[in-house]
């Protein structure tokens, strides 16, 4: 699962699908957006991104399943 910040999730997803952007997504093409949260500032979004990246896979899957979006960032 790739986790990342973007002010435009759909545009970022298209870039990743085209092989642009993060090194990881160049060799691991994304298939769909699994979860998003929205934030008022870039700082808040990046802080949450770090939190999500630090979660064990099981907790990430639980987060995706819950779809309890507080705000938007991108996980997918």
N, C-alpha and C. Protein backbone atom coordinates (compact mmCIF):
# COMPACT_ATOMS: atom_id res chain seq x y z
N UNK A 1 0.84 -1.18 0.00
CA UNK A 1 0.00 0.00 0.00
C UNK A 1 0.88 1.24 0.00
N UNK A 2 0.58 2.14 -0.89
CA UNK A 2 1.31 3.40 -0.98
C UNK A 2 0.53 4.46 -0.22
N UNK A 3 1.22 5.25 0.55
CA UNK A 3 0.62 6.36 1.28
C UNK A 3 1.30 7.64 0.86
N UNK A 4 0.52 8.66 0.55
CA UNK A 4 1.12 9.91 0.14
C UNK A 4 0.20 11.09 0.32
N UNK A 5 0.80 12.26 0.28
CA UNK A 5 0.08 13.53 0.40
C UNK A 5 -0.09 14.13 -0.99
N UNK A 6 -1.22 14.76 -1.24
CA UNK A 6 -1.42 15.49 -2.49
C UNK A 6 -2.57 16.47 -2.34
N UNK A 7 -2.41 17.68 -2.89
CA UNK A 7 -3.54 18.62 -2.88
C UNK A 7 -4.61 18.21 -3.89
N UNK A 8 -4.26 17.34 -4.84
CA UNK A 8 -5.21 16.85 -5.85
C UNK A 8 -5.01 15.34 -5.99
N UNK A 9 -5.77 14.58 -5.24
CA UNK A 9 -5.60 13.13 -5.17
C UNK A 9 -5.78 12.47 -6.54
N UNK A 10 -6.82 12.85 -7.27
CA UNK A 10 -7.08 12.24 -8.58
C UNK A 10 -5.93 12.50 -9.56
N UNK A 11 -5.42 13.71 -9.58
CA UNK A 11 -4.32 14.05 -10.48
C UNK A 11 -3.06 13.28 -10.09
N UNK A 12 -2.81 13.16 -8.80
CA UNK A 12 -1.66 12.41 -8.31
C UNK A 12 -1.78 10.93 -8.70
N UNK A 13 -2.97 10.38 -8.57
CA UNK A 13 -3.21 8.99 -8.94
C UNK A 13 -2.92 8.78 -10.43
N UNK A 14 -3.39 9.68 -11.27
CA UNK A 14 -3.14 9.58 -12.71
C UNK A 14 -1.64 9.64 -13.01
N UNK A 15 -0.93 10.51 -12.31
CA UNK A 15 0.53 10.61 -12.51
C UNK A 15 1.21 9.30 -12.13
N UNK A 16 0.82 8.73 -11.01
CA UNK A 16 1.40 7.45 -10.57
C UNK A 16 1.10 6.35 -11.59
N UNK A 17 -0.11 6.33 -12.11
CA UNK A 17 -0.49 5.32 -13.11
C UNK A 17 0.35 5.46 -14.38
N UNK A 18 0.77 6.70 -14.67
CA UNK A 18 1.58 6.98 -15.86
C UNK A 18 3.07 6.75 -15.59
N UNK A 19 3.42 6.30 -14.38
CA UNK A 19 4.82 6.04 -14.05
C UNK A 19 5.59 7.26 -13.61
N UNK A 20 4.89 8.32 -13.24
CA UNK A 20 5.54 9.54 -12.76
C UNK A 20 5.32 9.66 -11.26
N UNK A 21 6.19 10.41 -10.62
CA UNK A 21 6.02 10.62 -9.18
C UNK A 21 6.92 9.72 -8.36
N UNK A 22 6.37 9.14 -7.32
CA UNK A 22 7.14 8.35 -6.37
C UNK A 22 7.83 7.15 -7.03
N UNK A 23 9.06 6.90 -6.61
CA UNK A 23 9.84 5.78 -7.14
C UNK A 23 9.10 4.46 -6.95
N UNK A 24 8.47 4.30 -5.81
CA UNK A 24 7.75 3.05 -5.50
C UNK A 24 6.67 2.77 -6.54
N UNK A 25 5.92 3.81 -6.93
CA UNK A 25 4.79 3.59 -7.84
C UNK A 25 5.23 3.42 -9.29
N UNK A 26 6.49 3.67 -9.60
CA UNK A 26 6.97 3.41 -10.96
C UNK A 26 7.04 1.91 -11.22
N UNK A 27 7.40 1.15 -10.20
CA UNK A 27 7.51 -0.30 -10.37
C UNK A 27 6.31 -1.05 -9.78
N UNK A 28 5.50 -0.37 -8.99
CA UNK A 28 4.30 -0.96 -8.40
C UNK A 28 3.11 -0.08 -8.77
N UNK A 29 2.57 -0.30 -9.96
CA UNK A 29 1.49 0.54 -10.46
C UNK A 29 0.26 0.47 -9.55
N UNK A 30 -0.28 1.65 -9.21
CA UNK A 30 -1.48 1.66 -8.36
C UNK A 30 -2.70 1.16 -9.14
N UNK A 31 -3.62 0.56 -8.44
CA UNK A 31 -4.83 0.05 -9.08
C UNK A 31 -6.05 0.88 -8.72
N UNK A 32 -6.11 1.35 -7.48
CA UNK A 32 -7.24 2.18 -7.08
C UNK A 32 -6.90 2.94 -5.80
N UNK A 33 -7.67 3.99 -5.55
CA UNK A 33 -7.52 4.77 -4.33
C UNK A 33 -8.37 4.07 -3.27
N UNK A 34 -7.75 3.73 -2.16
CA UNK A 34 -8.44 2.97 -1.13
C UNK A 34 -9.04 3.83 -0.03
N UNK A 35 -8.40 4.97 0.24
CA UNK A 35 -8.81 5.76 1.40
C UNK A 35 -8.27 7.17 1.26
N UNK A 36 -9.05 8.14 1.64
CA UNK A 36 -8.58 9.53 1.65
C UNK A 36 -9.05 10.24 2.91
N UNK A 37 -8.32 11.25 3.28
CA UNK A 37 -8.70 12.16 4.36
C UNK A 37 -8.40 13.57 3.86
N UNK A 38 -9.12 14.55 4.35
CA UNK A 38 -8.92 15.94 3.94
C UNK A 38 -8.42 16.79 5.11
N UNK A 39 -7.49 17.68 4.82
CA UNK A 39 -6.91 18.56 5.83
C UNK A 39 -6.93 20.00 5.35
N UNK A 40 -6.88 20.92 6.30
CA UNK A 40 -6.89 22.34 5.97
C UNK A 40 -5.51 22.85 5.56
N UNK A 41 -4.47 22.21 6.06
CA UNK A 41 -3.11 22.67 5.75
C UNK A 41 -2.24 21.51 5.29
N UNK A 42 -1.21 21.85 4.55
CA UNK A 42 -0.24 20.84 4.09
C UNK A 42 0.45 20.20 5.29
N UNK A 43 0.75 21.01 6.28
CA UNK A 43 1.43 20.51 7.48
C UNK A 43 0.60 19.43 8.17
N UNK A 44 -0.70 19.67 8.33
CA UNK A 44 -1.57 18.68 8.95
C UNK A 44 -1.62 17.39 8.13
N UNK A 45 -1.72 17.55 6.82
CA UNK A 45 -1.79 16.38 5.93
C UNK A 45 -0.51 15.56 5.99
N UNK A 46 0.63 16.23 6.00
CA UNK A 46 1.90 15.52 6.03
C UNK A 46 2.12 14.83 7.38
N UNK A 47 1.64 15.44 8.45
CA UNK A 47 1.74 14.82 9.76
C UNK A 47 0.92 13.52 9.78
N UNK A 48 -0.29 13.59 9.23
CA UNK A 48 -1.15 12.40 9.19
C UNK A 48 -0.55 11.33 8.27
N UNK A 49 0.05 11.76 7.17
CA UNK A 49 0.71 10.82 6.27
C UNK A 49 1.77 10.02 7.02
N UNK A 50 2.59 10.72 7.81
CA UNK A 50 3.62 10.04 8.61
C UNK A 50 3.00 9.05 9.59
N UNK A 51 1.89 9.46 10.22
CA UNK A 51 1.21 8.57 11.17
C UNK A 51 0.74 7.29 10.46
N UNK A 52 0.10 7.47 9.31
CA UNK A 52 -0.42 6.31 8.58
C UNK A 52 0.71 5.42 8.10
N UNK A 53 1.79 6.01 7.61
CA UNK A 53 2.93 5.20 7.16
C UNK A 53 3.51 4.36 8.29
N UNK A 54 3.37 4.84 9.51
CA UNK A 54 3.91 4.12 10.67
C UNK A 54 3.00 3.02 11.20
N UNK A 55 1.78 2.95 10.69
CA UNK A 55 0.85 1.92 11.15
C UNK A 55 1.22 0.55 10.59
N UNK A 56 0.99 -0.49 11.36
CA UNK A 56 1.16 -1.85 10.82
C UNK A 56 0.10 -2.08 9.73
N UNK A 57 0.38 -2.98 8.81
CA UNK A 57 -0.53 -3.26 7.70
C UNK A 57 -1.95 -3.55 8.18
N UNK A 58 -2.06 -4.33 9.25
CA UNK A 58 -3.38 -4.70 9.78
C UNK A 58 -4.19 -3.45 10.16
N UNK A 59 -3.53 -2.47 10.76
CA UNK A 59 -4.22 -1.24 11.16
C UNK A 59 -4.57 -0.39 9.94
N UNK A 60 -3.72 -0.40 8.92
CA UNK A 60 -4.04 0.31 7.68
C UNK A 60 -5.28 -0.29 7.03
N UNK A 61 -5.35 -1.62 7.00
CA UNK A 61 -6.51 -2.29 6.43
C UNK A 61 -7.77 -1.98 7.22
N UNK A 62 -7.65 -1.90 8.53
CA UNK A 62 -8.78 -1.56 9.39
C UNK A 62 -9.24 -0.13 9.11
N UNK A 63 -8.30 0.77 8.93
CA UNK A 63 -8.62 2.16 8.62
C UNK A 63 -9.37 2.24 7.28
N UNK A 64 -8.88 1.52 6.29
CA UNK A 64 -9.52 1.50 4.98
C UNK A 64 -10.94 0.95 5.10
N UNK A 65 -11.07 -0.13 5.84
CA UNK A 65 -12.37 -0.78 6.00
C UNK A 65 -13.37 0.13 6.70
N UNK A 66 -12.90 0.87 7.68
CA UNK A 66 -13.80 1.72 8.47
C UNK A 66 -14.33 2.90 7.66
N UNK A 67 -13.53 3.37 6.70
CA UNK A 67 -13.91 4.53 5.87
C UNK A 67 -14.36 5.70 6.74
N UNK A 68 -13.83 5.78 7.95
CA UNK A 68 -14.20 6.87 8.86
C UNK A 68 -13.33 8.09 8.55
N UNK A 69 -13.51 8.65 7.37
CA UNK A 69 -12.71 9.79 6.93
C UNK A 69 -13.01 11.02 7.78
N UNK A 70 -11.99 11.47 8.47
CA UNK A 70 -12.11 12.71 9.23
C UNK A 70 -11.88 13.89 8.30
N UNK A 71 -10.82 13.77 7.52
CA UNK A 71 -10.41 14.79 6.57
C UNK A 71 -9.78 14.05 5.41
N UNK A 72 -9.21 14.71 4.42
CA UNK A 72 -8.69 14.00 3.26
C UNK A 72 -7.19 14.13 3.10
N UNK A 73 -6.55 13.04 2.85
CA UNK A 73 -5.17 12.89 2.43
C UNK A 73 -5.27 11.73 1.46
N UNK A 74 -4.21 10.96 1.18
CA UNK A 74 -4.38 9.85 0.28
C UNK A 74 -3.63 8.63 0.70
N UNK A 75 -4.36 7.55 0.62
CA UNK A 75 -3.78 6.26 0.88
C UNK A 75 -4.26 5.34 -0.23
N UNK A 76 -3.34 4.69 -0.85
CA UNK A 76 -3.82 3.83 -1.90
C UNK A 76 -2.78 3.06 -2.62
